[in-house]
């Protein structure tokens, strides 16, 4: 009951800051669109790089193996490489963002993505053996994954720290929807570059020119990366994060009261910056005083009581302090169950989602776009066309349905219904796999993709960014995302082997079970619409200290 009262206060205390001005939540201000561009490009590149590996793998078959099959283990490593790296990046960048501040870390993950993409393009296909080329490529795909993984907790935290409560879920869904556009653009760019090389490859028969095709297609992702790098590196620390640091170091009731007031002012200040409300004279004075304040990095270390130490020592102390604080917070069941819920939902979702989307050859075969016939160019072109069909069928529409409804239906409803409907269509595909006609298969698969994305694939990203307090948000989001990528790695490495031993329908039944279990674990999570976890944490700290004080002997 106390927890429910605390959460209710967390909602009501910030009701005054939900400034709708009569606009739907999905209508954004200019500042919000700018933030969306800065943070969303990471997910565009994420999807582009993760899903482009399917056509690139097919191209490398022709360049390195004369159209023959790749070694199964090396193909699995190449496809799973980015996800393996993502686990490392999600842990490392998420923790660093909480310990050192968002500003100190943001942009570094994009620099890593740029470096890894360039190194991937340097794969010496003309001088190394085919197997060594795949190993070379896979190593830099892992490095790429570290950068891509780091973008998950960074962009989620940056956005959640700045978003108006009424629009927070919509903003996060907008950012995550870039994954659909990245996947679609990857297929479109493959078709465009293949069309440019048609004469050389199809007419003149120079199949080796495919070496240029895959390098160009991979390199295109550098354009949006360079376009937003400066904005990421110069993005200031959010006022909410700084206010959260002050609450973290409050030791008296007076300091706690000041910190809670600062949190409310921080939300108000972010609303003004993002254009959700008009600034007042007091706001203008406050901004002026903020301009004269200390650098955010200095303020963070000062608040953490690291005076008299060097910058390097302060950073190390910040990391150690944050680790112990994190462990204490999540040692309580009411907090631990939230982390278990976000981790397990994302893990189970990604087993099914990536199991389907990293092994699309089965789907392409069923809809007649597997590229089994024709010249090498015709086969590659047909596969790329099939990938566009798959993306357009349910990928993009599902994301946008979430954008438009997340603030109406809530995260919990969308996640549970998404898991259950995905399970339904997986069950149909598994039970009638060999009996479904091509149109029936396409319809079932389209609905499956739709409910993945109008469901847990989007909300599993939103939940950790909304349910955890600012001081733990990036770390908890990184852990949750890493759990998801572990599920993706399992699918990438096990799908081909299992499909040969137990058959594709049996694998689909496994995915069915994962979706049912995911719906069950969602019950551990509260609805987070309009919920401010920082104010809830402040109330929990106040109640805990009041209880401790009352138990002291008089």
Protein backbone atom coordinates (compact mmCIF):
# COMPACT_ATOMS: atom_id res chain seq x y z
CA UNK A 1 0.00 0.00 0.00
CA UNK A 2 2.86 2.39 0.84
CA UNK A 3 4.43 1.72 -2.55
CA UNK A 4 1.14 2.48 -4.32
CA UNK A 5 0.75 5.73 -2.37
CA UNK A 6 4.30 6.71 -3.27
CA UNK A 7 3.67 6.04 -6.96
CA UNK A 8 0.43 8.00 -6.84
CA UNK A 9 2.28 10.98 -5.38
CA UNK A 10 4.88 10.57 -8.13
CA UNK A 11 2.10 11.06 -10.67
CA UNK A 12 0.18 13.86 -8.94
CA UNK A 13 3.21 15.97 -7.99
CA UNK A 14 4.06 16.52 -11.64
CA UNK A 15 0.52 16.87 -12.96
CA UNK A 16 1.06 20.61 -13.15
CA UNK A 17 3.82 20.06 -15.68
CA UNK A 18 1.72 18.13 -18.20
CA UNK A 19 1.06 21.02 -20.56
CA UNK A 20 -1.02 19.64 -23.42
CA UNK A 21 -2.06 22.97 -24.99
CA UNK A 22 -4.69 20.91 -26.81
CA UNK A 23 -2.13 19.14 -29.01
CA UNK A 24 -1.89 15.35 -29.40
CA UNK A 25 1.22 13.84 -27.81
CA UNK A 26 2.61 12.82 -31.20
CA UNK A 27 2.71 16.47 -32.41
CA UNK A 28 6.24 17.62 -31.58
CA UNK A 29 7.82 21.01 -31.03
CA UNK A 30 10.86 22.18 -33.02
CA UNK A 31 13.19 21.38 -30.12
CA UNK A 32 11.71 17.89 -29.78
CA UNK A 33 12.17 17.26 -33.50
CA UNK A 34 15.81 18.32 -33.15
CA UNK A 35 16.30 15.96 -30.20
CA UNK A 36 14.58 13.22 -32.19
CA UNK A 37 17.05 13.74 -35.03
CA UNK A 38 20.07 13.63 -32.74
CA UNK A 39 19.00 10.55 -30.78
CA UNK A 40 17.01 8.75 -33.48
CA UNK A 41 19.87 8.48 -35.96
CA UNK A 42 21.51 5.91 -33.70
CA UNK A 43 18.59 3.52 -34.12
CA UNK A 44 18.47 4.20 -37.84
CA UNK A 45 22.13 3.14 -38.09
CA UNK A 46 21.54 0.28 -35.64
CA UNK A 47 18.86 -1.32 -37.83
CA UNK A 48 20.69 -0.47 -41.03
CA UNK A 49 23.91 -2.14 -39.87
CA UNK A 50 22.27 -5.11 -38.12
CA UNK A 51 19.92 -6.12 -40.93
CA UNK A 52 22.17 -5.17 -43.88
CA UNK A 53 24.35 -8.14 -42.96
CA UNK A 54 21.84 -10.50 -44.61
CA UNK A 55 22.30 -9.19 -48.20
CA UNK A 56 26.00 -8.53 -47.53
CA UNK A 57 26.45 -12.19 -46.53
CA UNK A 58 24.85 -13.26 -49.83
CA UNK A 59 27.15 -10.92 -51.79
CA UNK A 60 30.21 -12.32 -50.01
CA UNK A 61 29.13 -15.81 -51.00
CA UNK A 62 29.62 -14.80 -54.64
CA UNK A 63 32.80 -12.80 -53.99
CA UNK A 64 34.58 -15.27 -51.73
CA UNK A 65 33.02 -18.68 -52.41
CA UNK A 66 31.91 -18.42 -56.04
CA UNK A 67 28.23 -18.58 -55.07
CA UNK A 68 28.71 -21.63 -52.83
CA UNK A 69 27.73 -21.93 -49.20
CA UNK A 70 29.70 -20.20 -46.44
CA UNK A 71 31.00 -22.24 -43.49
CA UNK A 72 28.04 -22.33 -41.09
CA UNK A 73 30.12 -21.38 -38.03
CA UNK A 74 31.69 -18.33 -39.69
CA UNK A 75 28.36 -17.21 -41.12
CA UNK A 76 26.85 -17.45 -37.64
CA UNK A 77 29.75 -15.44 -36.16
CA UNK A 78 29.40 -12.75 -38.81
CA UNK A 79 25.65 -12.41 -38.23
CA UNK A 80 25.96 -12.53 -34.44
CA UNK A 81 29.07 -10.30 -34.25
CA UNK A 82 27.23 -6.99 -33.92
CA UNK A 83 24.94 -8.42 -31.25
CA UNK A 84 27.91 -9.80 -29.30
CA UNK A 85 29.48 -6.35 -29.32
CA UNK A 86 26.16 -4.78 -28.37
CA UNK A 87 26.09 -6.64 -25.05
CA UNK A 88 29.47 -5.13 -24.13
CA UNK A 89 28.46 -1.65 -25.28
CA UNK A 90 25.13 -1.67 -23.47
CA UNK A 91 26.73 -2.58 -20.16
CA UNK A 92 29.73 -0.26 -20.50
CA UNK A 93 28.07 2.88 -21.88
CA UNK A 94 24.99 2.52 -19.69
CA UNK A 95 27.04 2.35 -16.52
CA UNK A 96 29.39 5.15 -17.60
CA UNK A 97 26.45 7.46 -18.37
CA UNK A 98 25.12 7.14 -14.81
CA UNK A 99 28.52 7.33 -13.12
CA UNK A 100 30.15 10.10 -15.18
CA UNK A 101 27.17 11.95 -16.64
CA UNK A 102 25.47 11.85 -20.04
CA UNK A 103 27.45 14.74 -21.48
CA UNK A 104 30.81 13.09 -20.69
CA UNK A 105 29.84 9.94 -22.62
CA UNK A 106 27.32 10.89 -25.35
CA UNK A 107 28.79 10.91 -28.84
CA UNK A 108 31.63 8.51 -28.06
CA UNK A 109 29.46 5.55 -29.11
CA UNK A 110 28.84 7.22 -32.48
CA UNK A 111 32.58 7.78 -32.95
CA UNK A 112 33.06 4.05 -32.35
CA UNK A 113 30.36 3.22 -34.92
CA UNK A 114 32.07 5.43 -37.51
CA UNK A 115 35.49 3.88 -36.87
CA UNK A 116 34.18 0.30 -36.99
CA UNK A 117 32.19 0.95 -40.19
CA UNK A 118 35.29 2.30 -41.95
CA UNK A 119 37.38 -0.66 -40.77
CA UNK A 120 34.66 -3.08 -41.93
CA UNK A 121 34.86 -1.57 -45.42
CA UNK A 122 38.61 -2.26 -45.53
CA UNK A 123 38.14 -6.06 -45.50
CA UNK A 124 40.94 -7.26 -47.87
CA UNK A 125 38.93 -9.74 -49.95
CA UNK A 126 41.68 -9.85 -52.58
CA UNK A 127 44.57 -10.80 -50.30
CA UNK A 128 43.17 -12.90 -47.43
CA UNK A 129 41.66 -16.36 -47.71
CA UNK A 130 37.83 -16.48 -47.79
CA UNK A 131 37.59 -17.81 -44.23
CA UNK A 132 40.04 -15.22 -42.90
CA UNK A 133 38.10 -12.46 -44.66
CA UNK A 134 34.98 -13.47 -42.73
CA UNK A 135 36.93 -13.54 -39.45
CA UNK A 136 38.38 -10.07 -40.23
CA UNK A 137 34.91 -8.73 -41.00
CA UNK A 138 33.39 -10.35 -37.91
CA UNK A 139 35.94 -8.79 -35.56
CA UNK A 140 35.06 -5.29 -36.71
CA UNK A 141 31.37 -6.16 -36.66
CA UNK A 142 31.85 -6.86 -32.94
CA UNK A 143 33.51 -3.44 -32.55
CA UNK A 144 30.60 -1.90 -34.47
CA UNK A 145 28.20 -3.65 -32.11
CA UNK A 146 29.87 -2.06 -29.06
CA UNK A 147 29.05 1.36 -30.49
CA UNK A 148 25.54 0.37 -31.54
CA UNK A 149 24.91 -1.19 -28.12
CA UNK A 150 26.11 1.94 -26.37
CA UNK A 151 23.51 3.97 -28.24
CA UNK A 152 20.61 2.08 -26.59
CA UNK A 153 21.05 3.35 -23.01
CA UNK A 154 22.53 6.68 -24.10
CA UNK A 155 19.75 7.79 -26.43
CA UNK A 156 17.03 6.43 -24.14
CA UNK A 157 18.41 8.31 -21.13
CA UNK A 158 19.10 11.52 -23.05
CA UNK A 159 15.52 11.54 -24.32
CA UNK A 160 13.79 10.47 -21.11
CA UNK A 161 15.75 13.07 -19.10
CA UNK A 162 14.43 15.85 -21.34
CA UNK A 163 10.94 14.67 -22.30
CA UNK A 164 7.69 16.12 -21.01
CA UNK A 165 5.88 13.42 -19.00
CA UNK A 166 2.87 13.56 -21.30
CA UNK A 167 5.08 12.93 -24.33
CA UNK A 168 7.83 10.75 -22.88
CA UNK A 169 6.56 7.45 -24.26
CA UNK A 170 5.81 9.01 -27.64
CA UNK A 171 9.30 10.49 -27.90
CA UNK A 172 10.91 7.15 -27.06
CA UNK A 173 8.66 5.36 -29.55
CA UNK A 174 9.53 7.91 -32.24
CA UNK A 175 13.23 7.27 -31.65
CA UNK A 176 12.85 3.50 -31.68
CA UNK A 177 10.72 3.66 -34.86
CA UNK A 178 13.86 4.71 -36.71
CA UNK A 179 14.80 1.05 -36.53
CA UNK A 180 12.08 0.34 -39.10
CA UNK A 181 13.28 3.13 -41.39
CA UNK A 182 16.89 1.94 -41.07
CA UNK A 183 15.94 -1.58 -42.09
CA UNK A 184 13.86 -0.29 -45.02
CA UNK A 185 16.60 2.07 -46.18
CA UNK A 186 19.14 -0.77 -46.08
CA UNK A 187 17.06 -2.76 -48.55
CA UNK A 188 16.41 0.30 -50.75
CA UNK A 189 20.11 1.24 -50.90
CA UNK A 190 21.02 -2.34 -51.82
CA UNK A 191 18.60 -2.22 -54.74
CA UNK A 192 19.85 1.20 -55.88
CA UNK A 193 23.53 0.21 -55.82
CA UNK A 194 22.77 -3.13 -57.50
CA UNK A 195 20.91 -1.25 -60.25
CA UNK A 196 23.99 0.94 -60.80
CA UNK A 197 26.17 -2.16 -61.13
CA UNK A 198 23.68 -4.05 -63.36
CA UNK A 199 25.60 -3.55 -66.60
CA UNK A 200 28.95 -4.63 -65.13
CA UNK A 201 27.60 -7.63 -63.24
CA UNK A 202 24.71 -8.86 -65.40
CA UNK A 203 25.69 -7.85 -68.94
CA UNK A 204 29.47 -8.06 -68.76
CA UNK A 205 29.41 -10.95 -66.30
CA UNK A 206 31.83 -9.37 -63.81
CA UNK A 207 30.37 -10.92 -60.68
CA UNK A 208 33.43 -9.84 -58.67
CA UNK A 209 32.11 -6.26 -58.89
CA UNK A 210 29.78 -7.24 -56.06
CA UNK A 211 32.78 -6.41 -53.88
CA UNK A 212 32.12 -2.75 -54.59
CA UNK A 213 28.37 -3.10 -54.03
CA UNK A 214 28.57 -4.32 -50.44
CA UNK A 215 31.23 -1.76 -49.46
CA UNK A 216 29.12 1.13 -50.78
CA UNK A 217 25.99 -0.19 -49.11
CA UNK A 218 27.80 -0.51 -45.77
CA UNK A 219 29.43 2.91 -46.17
CA UNK A 220 26.15 4.77 -46.70
CA UNK A 221 25.48 4.57 -42.95
CA UNK A 222 28.41 6.95 -42.41
CA UNK A 223 26.38 9.85 -43.85
CA UNK A 224 23.82 10.18 -41.00
CA UNK A 225 26.53 9.30 -38.47
CA UNK A 226 28.78 12.20 -39.46
CA UNK A 227 25.75 14.49 -39.81
CA UNK A 228 24.83 14.20 -36.11
CA UNK A 229 28.21 13.60 -34.46
CA UNK A 230 28.85 17.27 -33.60
CA UNK A 231 25.37 17.71 -32.09
CA UNK A 232 25.89 14.68 -29.85
CA UNK A 233 29.30 15.78 -28.65
CA UNK A 234 28.05 19.28 -27.77
CA UNK A 235 24.67 18.37 -26.23
CA UNK A 236 24.59 19.88 -22.70
CA UNK A 237 23.80 17.94 -19.55
CA UNK A 238 20.08 17.89 -18.76
CA UNK A 239 18.81 19.85 -15.76
CA UNK A 240 16.96 16.73 -14.58
CA UNK A 241 20.19 14.73 -14.37
CA UNK A 242 21.89 17.48 -12.36
CA UNK A 243 18.88 17.73 -10.02
CA UNK A 244 18.96 13.96 -9.59
CA UNK A 245 22.62 14.15 -8.56
CA UNK A 246 21.69 16.70 -5.89
CA UNK A 247 18.99 14.38 -4.49
CA UNK A 248 21.52 11.55 -4.51
CA UNK A 249 23.76 13.47 -2.13
CA UNK A 250 21.08 14.93 0.17
CA UNK A 251 21.70 14.02 3.83
CA UNK A 252 19.08 16.02 5.72
CA UNK A 253 15.35 16.59 5.40
CA UNK A 254 16.05 20.19 4.37
CA UNK A 255 18.40 19.04 1.62
CA UNK A 256 15.86 16.45 0.48
CA UNK A 257 13.16 19.10 0.28
CA UNK A 258 15.45 21.34 -1.76
CA UNK A 259 16.36 18.42 -4.04
CA UNK A 260 12.71 17.50 -4.66
CA UNK A 261 11.93 21.14 -5.45
CA UNK A 262 14.90 21.13 -7.84
CA UNK A 263 13.50 18.04 -9.58
CA UNK A 264 10.23 19.84 -10.17
CA UNK A 265 12.06 22.91 -11.42
CA UNK A 266 14.18 20.68 -13.63
CA UNK A 267 11.10 19.22 -15.29
CA UNK A 268 9.72 22.73 -15.76
CA UNK A 269 13.04 23.94 -17.22
CA UNK A 270 13.16 21.05 -19.70
CA UNK A 271 9.57 21.77 -20.75
CA UNK A 272 10.58 25.36 -21.48
CA UNK A 273 13.67 24.28 -23.42
CA UNK A 274 11.71 21.73 -25.48
CA UNK A 275 9.04 24.32 -26.33
CA UNK A 276 6.15 22.68 -24.49
CA UNK A 277 5.42 25.82 -22.46
CA UNK A 278 6.18 29.51 -22.84
CA UNK A 279 8.98 30.88 -20.64
CA UNK A 280 8.11 33.35 -17.88
CA UNK A 281 10.21 36.17 -16.45
CA UNK A 282 11.30 33.85 -13.64
CA UNK A 283 12.38 31.24 -16.19
CA UNK A 284 14.49 33.84 -17.97
CA UNK A 285 16.18 34.82 -14.70
CA UNK A 286 16.79 31.16 -13.88
CA UNK A 287 18.40 30.53 -17.25
CA UNK A 288 20.63 33.56 -16.75
CA UNK A 289 21.74 32.29 -13.36
CA UNK A 290 22.34 28.83 -14.79
CA UNK A 291 24.68 30.30 -17.40
CA UNK A 292 26.88 31.62 -14.60
CA UNK A 293 26.92 28.32 -12.74
CA UNK A 294 29.72 25.81 -12.68
CA UNK A 295 30.38 23.34 -15.47
CA UNK A 296 28.06 20.31 -15.10
CA UNK A 297 30.96 17.86 -14.87
CA UNK A 298 32.48 19.90 -12.04
CA UNK A 299 29.11 20.13 -10.31
CA UNK A 300 28.59 16.37 -10.46
CA UNK A 301 31.93 15.60 -8.82
CA UNK A 302 31.47 18.41 -6.31
CA UNK A 303 28.08 17.06 -5.28
CA UNK A 304 29.59 13.62 -4.89
CA UNK A 305 32.00 15.11 -2.29
CA UNK A 306 35.15 14.46 -4.32
CA UNK A 307 36.82 17.75 -3.45
CA UNK A 308 40.58 17.77 -3.25
CA UNK A 309 41.06 14.98 -5.75
CA UNK A 310 42.26 14.97 -9.34
CA UNK A 311 39.86 14.61 -12.26
CA UNK A 312 40.97 11.02 -12.86
CA UNK A 313 40.53 10.11 -9.19
CA UNK A 314 37.13 11.79 -9.10
CA UNK A 315 36.02 9.78 -12.10
CA UNK A 316 37.17 6.53 -10.47
CA UNK A 317 35.41 7.42 -7.20
CA UNK A 318 32.24 8.28 -9.14
CA UNK A 319 32.30 4.87 -10.81
CA UNK A 320 32.81 3.01 -7.51
CA UNK A 321 30.19 5.06 -5.65
CA UNK A 322 27.62 4.50 -8.38
CA UNK A 323 28.24 0.74 -8.32
CA UNK A 324 27.59 0.38 -4.58
CA UNK A 325 24.56 2.69 -4.77
CA UNK A 326 23.12 0.64 -7.65
CA UNK A 327 23.53 -2.64 -5.75
CA UNK A 328 21.86 -1.26 -2.61
CA UNK A 329 18.91 0.11 -4.57
CA UNK A 330 18.21 -3.13 -6.46
CA UNK A 331 18.68 -5.32 -3.39
CA UNK A 332 15.07 -4.45 -2.49
CA UNK A 333 12.50 -6.72 -4.16
CA UNK A 334 10.21 -3.84 -5.18
CA UNK A 335 13.07 -2.51 -7.32
CA UNK A 336 14.65 -5.83 -8.31
CA UNK A 337 11.39 -7.16 -9.76
CA UNK A 338 11.29 -4.21 -12.16
CA UNK A 339 14.77 -5.00 -13.46
CA UNK A 340 13.90 -8.71 -13.73
CA UNK A 341 10.75 -7.78 -15.65
CA UNK A 342 12.50 -5.50 -18.15
CA UNK A 343 15.38 -7.94 -18.66
CA UNK A 344 13.25 -11.06 -19.14
CA UNK A 345 10.72 -9.37 -21.43
CA UNK A 346 13.49 -8.05 -23.67
CA UNK A 347 15.38 -11.39 -23.59
CA UNK A 348 12.33 -13.45 -24.57
CA UNK A 349 11.23 -10.94 -27.20
CA UNK A 350 14.61 -10.90 -28.94
CA UNK A 351 14.83 -14.69 -29.11
CA UNK A 352 11.70 -14.67 -31.27
CA UNK A 353 12.19 -11.32 -33.04
CA UNK A 354 15.80 -11.83 -34.14
CA UNK A 355 15.22 -15.52 -34.73
CA UNK A 356 12.76 -14.48 -37.43
CA UNK A 357 14.51 -11.38 -38.79
CA UNK A 358 18.12 -12.59 -38.89
CA UNK A 359 17.07 -15.74 -40.76
CA UNK A 360 14.72 -14.37 -43.38
CA UNK A 361 15.74 -16.95 -45.98
CA UNK A 362 12.89 -19.18 -44.79
CA UNK A 363 10.37 -16.36 -45.25
CA UNK A 364 11.83 -15.29 -48.61
CA UNK A 365 11.57 -18.85 -49.83
CA UNK A 366 7.91 -19.04 -48.85
CA UNK A 367 6.99 -15.80 -50.67
CA UNK A 368 9.07 -16.62 -53.75
CA UNK A 369 11.91 -14.12 -53.28
CA UNK A 370 14.72 -16.41 -52.15
CA UNK A 371 16.79 -15.83 -55.30
CA UNK A 372 17.29 -19.49 -56.16
CA UNK A 373 17.15 -18.92 -59.94
CA UNK A 374 18.80 -16.58 -62.44
CA UNK A 375 22.16 -14.83 -62.70
CA UNK A 376 23.98 -13.74 -59.54
CA UNK A 377 22.75 -10.17 -60.08
CA UNK A 378 19.13 -11.30 -60.55
CA UNK A 379 19.30 -13.41 -57.41
CA UNK A 380 20.70 -10.58 -55.29
CA UNK A 381 18.14 -8.12 -56.68
CA UNK A 382 15.27 -10.49 -55.96
CA UNK A 383 16.41 -11.09 -52.38
CA UNK A 384 16.68 -7.35 -51.76
CA UNK A 385 13.19 -6.81 -53.19
CA UNK A 386 11.88 -9.51 -50.85
CA UNK A 387 13.51 -7.75 -47.88
CA UNK A 388 11.66 -4.53 -48.76
CA UNK A 389 8.38 -6.44 -48.87
CA UNK A 390 9.06 -7.98 -45.45
CA UNK A 391 9.92 -4.58 -43.93
CA UNK A 392 6.97 -2.76 -45.47
CA UNK A 393 4.45 -5.48 -44.54
CA UNK A 394 4.55 -5.01 -40.79
CA UNK A 395 7.82 -3.48 -39.64
CA UNK A 396 7.16 0.22 -40.27
CA UNK A 397 3.34 0.20 -39.71
CA UNK A 398 3.76 -1.50 -36.33
CA UNK A 399 6.20 1.10 -35.05
CA UNK A 400 3.95 3.99 -36.04
CA UNK A 401 0.86 2.44 -34.51
CA UNK A 402 2.78 2.45 -31.23
CA UNK A 403 3.78 6.10 -31.69
CA UNK A 404 0.15 7.14 -32.15
CA UNK A 405 -1.35 5.06 -29.31
CA UNK A 406 1.27 4.67 -26.58
CA UNK A 407 0.00 7.60 -24.51
CA UNK A 408 -3.60 6.41 -24.86
CA UNK A 409 -3.31 2.65 -24.33
CA UNK A 410 -0.26 2.68 -22.08
CA UNK A 411 2.93 0.60 -22.28
CA UNK A 412 1.67 -2.41 -20.34
CA UNK A 413 -1.40 -2.98 -22.51
CA UNK A 414 0.59 -2.62 -25.73
CA UNK A 415 3.31 -4.99 -24.53
CA UNK A 416 0.95 -7.74 -23.32
CA UNK A 417 -1.30 -7.64 -26.40
CA UNK A 418 1.79 -7.55 -28.63
CA UNK A 419 3.23 -10.68 -27.02
CA UNK A 420 -0.10 -12.53 -27.16
CA UNK A 421 -0.91 -11.66 -30.78
CA UNK A 422 2.65 -12.49 -31.86
CA UNK A 423 2.22 -15.87 -30.10
CA UNK A 424 -1.07 -16.40 -31.95
CA UNK A 425 0.44 -15.86 -35.40
CA UNK A 426 3.57 -17.86 -34.53
CA UNK A 427 1.27 -20.70 -33.50
CA UNK A 428 -0.57 -20.52 -36.84
CA UNK A 429 2.70 -20.50 -38.80
CA UNK A 430 4.09 -23.39 -36.75
CA UNK A 431 0.96 -25.53 -36.85
CA UNK A 432 0.19 -24.97 -40.54
CA UNK A 433 3.71 -24.35 -41.84
CA UNK A 434 3.50 -26.80 -44.73
CA UNK A 435 -0.19 -26.29 -45.46
CA UNK A 436 -0.46 -22.50 -45.77
CA UNK A 437 -0.74 -21.06 -49.27
CA UNK A 438 1.64 -18.25 -50.22
CA UNK A 439 -0.98 -15.48 -49.69
CA UNK A 440 -1.96 -16.97 -46.32
CA UNK A 441 1.68 -17.18 -45.26
CA UNK A 442 2.29 -13.55 -46.25
CA UNK A 443 -0.78 -12.37 -44.30
CA UNK A 444 0.24 -14.29 -41.15
CA UNK A 445 3.81 -13.10 -41.38
CA UNK A 446 2.72 -9.49 -41.91
CA UNK A 447 0.54 -9.59 -38.79
CA UNK A 448 3.37 -11.23 -36.84
CA UNK A 449 5.75 -8.39 -37.76
CA UNK A 450 3.05 -5.82 -37.03
CA UNK A 451 2.43 -7.09 -33.49
CA UNK A 452 6.14 -7.47 -32.77
CA UNK A 453 6.51 -3.74 -33.39
CA UNK A 454 3.09 -2.62 -32.17
CA UNK A 455 4.06 -4.47 -29.04
CA UNK A 456 7.09 -5.64 -27.11
CA UNK A 457 9.80 -4.73 -29.61
CA UNK A 458 9.03 -1.04 -29.00
CA UNK A 459 7.83 -1.10 -25.39
CA UNK A 460 10.74 -3.24 -24.17
CA UNK A 461 12.91 -0.27 -25.18
CA UNK A 462 10.59 2.32 -23.61
CA UNK A 463 10.04 0.58 -20.26
CA UNK A 464 13.59 0.77 -18.80
CA UNK A 465 13.84 4.44 -19.84
CA UNK A 466 10.64 5.28 -17.93
CA UNK A 467 10.38 2.96 -14.94
CA UNK A 468 13.82 3.60 -13.35
CA UNK A 469 15.02 6.81 -11.62
CA UNK A 470 17.44 9.06 -13.50
CA UNK A 471 20.47 8.08 -11.42
CA UNK A 472 20.09 4.37 -12.32
CA UNK A 473 18.32 4.77 -15.67
CA UNK A 474 21.19 4.31 -18.13
CA UNK A 475 22.72 1.38 -16.23
CA UNK A 476 19.39 -0.43 -15.86
CA UNK A 477 18.54 0.26 -19.49
CA UNK A 478 21.93 -1.09 -20.57
CA UNK A 479 21.46 -4.27 -18.51
CA UNK A 480 17.95 -4.78 -19.92
CA UNK A 481 19.10 -4.21 -23.49
CA UNK A 482 22.07 -6.53 -22.98
CA UNK A 483 19.69 -9.25 -21.81
CA UNK A 484 17.76 -8.75 -25.04
CA UNK A 485 20.88 -9.03 -27.16
CA UNK A 486 21.78 -12.27 -25.38
CA UNK A 487 18.47 -13.61 -26.68
CA UNK A 488 19.33 -12.36 -30.16
CA UNK A 489 22.73 -14.06 -30.03
CA UNK A 490 21.14 -17.36 -28.99
CA UNK A 491 18.77 -17.15 -31.97
CA UNK A 492 21.47 -16.16 -34.45
CA UNK A 493 23.78 -19.00 -33.44
CA UNK A 494 21.20 -21.73 -32.83
CA UNK A 495 18.56 -21.17 -35.52
CA UNK A 496 20.34 -22.84 -38.45
CA UNK A 497 21.53 -25.81 -36.39
CA UNK A 498 18.14 -26.40 -34.76
CA UNK A 499 16.21 -25.99 -38.02
CA UNK A 500 18.24 -28.81 -39.52
CA UNK A 501 17.79 -31.11 -36.53
CA UNK A 502 14.21 -30.46 -35.34
CA UNK A 503 12.74 -28.49 -38.24
CA UNK A 504 11.50 -24.90 -38.66
CA UNK A 505 7.96 -25.55 -37.26
CA UNK A 506 9.45 -26.76 -33.95
CA UNK A 507 11.56 -23.61 -33.71
CA UNK A 508 8.46 -21.49 -34.30
CA UNK A 509 6.78 -23.30 -31.39
CA UNK A 510 9.78 -22.33 -29.22
CA UNK A 511 9.25 -18.71 -30.26
CA UNK A 512 5.55 -19.13 -29.40
CA UNK A 513 6.51 -20.19 -25.85
CA UNK A 514 8.87 -17.21 -25.51
CA UNK A 515 6.05 -14.80 -26.37
CA UNK A 516 3.65 -16.36 -23.85
CA UNK A 517 6.34 -16.18 -21.15
CA UNK A 518 7.05 -12.56 -22.10
CA UNK A 519 3.41 -11.64 -21.51
CA UNK A 520 3.68 -13.25 -18.07
CA UNK A 521 6.83 -11.35 -17.07
CA UNK A 522 5.18 -8.08 -18.15
CA UNK A 523 2.89 -8.49 -15.13
CA UNK A 524 5.90 -7.64 -12.92
CA UNK A 525 5.94 -4.14 -14.39
CA UNK A 526 3.69 -1.19 -13.49
CA UNK A 527 2.06 1.11 -16.00
CA UNK A 528 4.48 4.02 -16.39
CA UNK A 529 2.26 6.51 -18.22
CA UNK A 530 2.53 9.79 -16.29
CA UNK A 531 4.79 8.20 -13.67
CA UNK A 532 7.86 10.13 -12.47
CA UNK A 533 10.37 7.65 -10.99
CA UNK A 534 12.57 10.40 -9.55
CA UNK A 535 9.82 11.76 -7.33
CA UNK A 536 8.87 8.22 -6.33
CA UNK A 537 12.49 7.61 -5.32
CA UNK A 538 12.55 10.87 -3.35
CA UNK A 539 9.45 9.80 -1.42
CA UNK A 540 10.96 6.35 -0.77
CA UNK A 541 14.11 7.95 0.65
CA UNK A 542 12.06 10.29 2.82
CA UNK A 543 9.89 7.45 4.14
CA UNK A 544 12.91 5.23 4.84
CA UNK A 545 14.68 7.97 6.81
CA UNK A 546 11.53 8.88 8.72
CA UNK A 547 11.08 5.21 9.64
CA UNK A 548 14.71 4.92 10.74
CA UNK A 549 14.41 8.08 12.84
CA UNK A 550 11.23 6.83 14.55
CA UNK A 551 12.93 3.58 15.53
CA UNK A 552 15.86 5.29 17.25
CA UNK A 553 15.71 5.20 21.09
CA UNK A 554 14.58 8.50 22.56
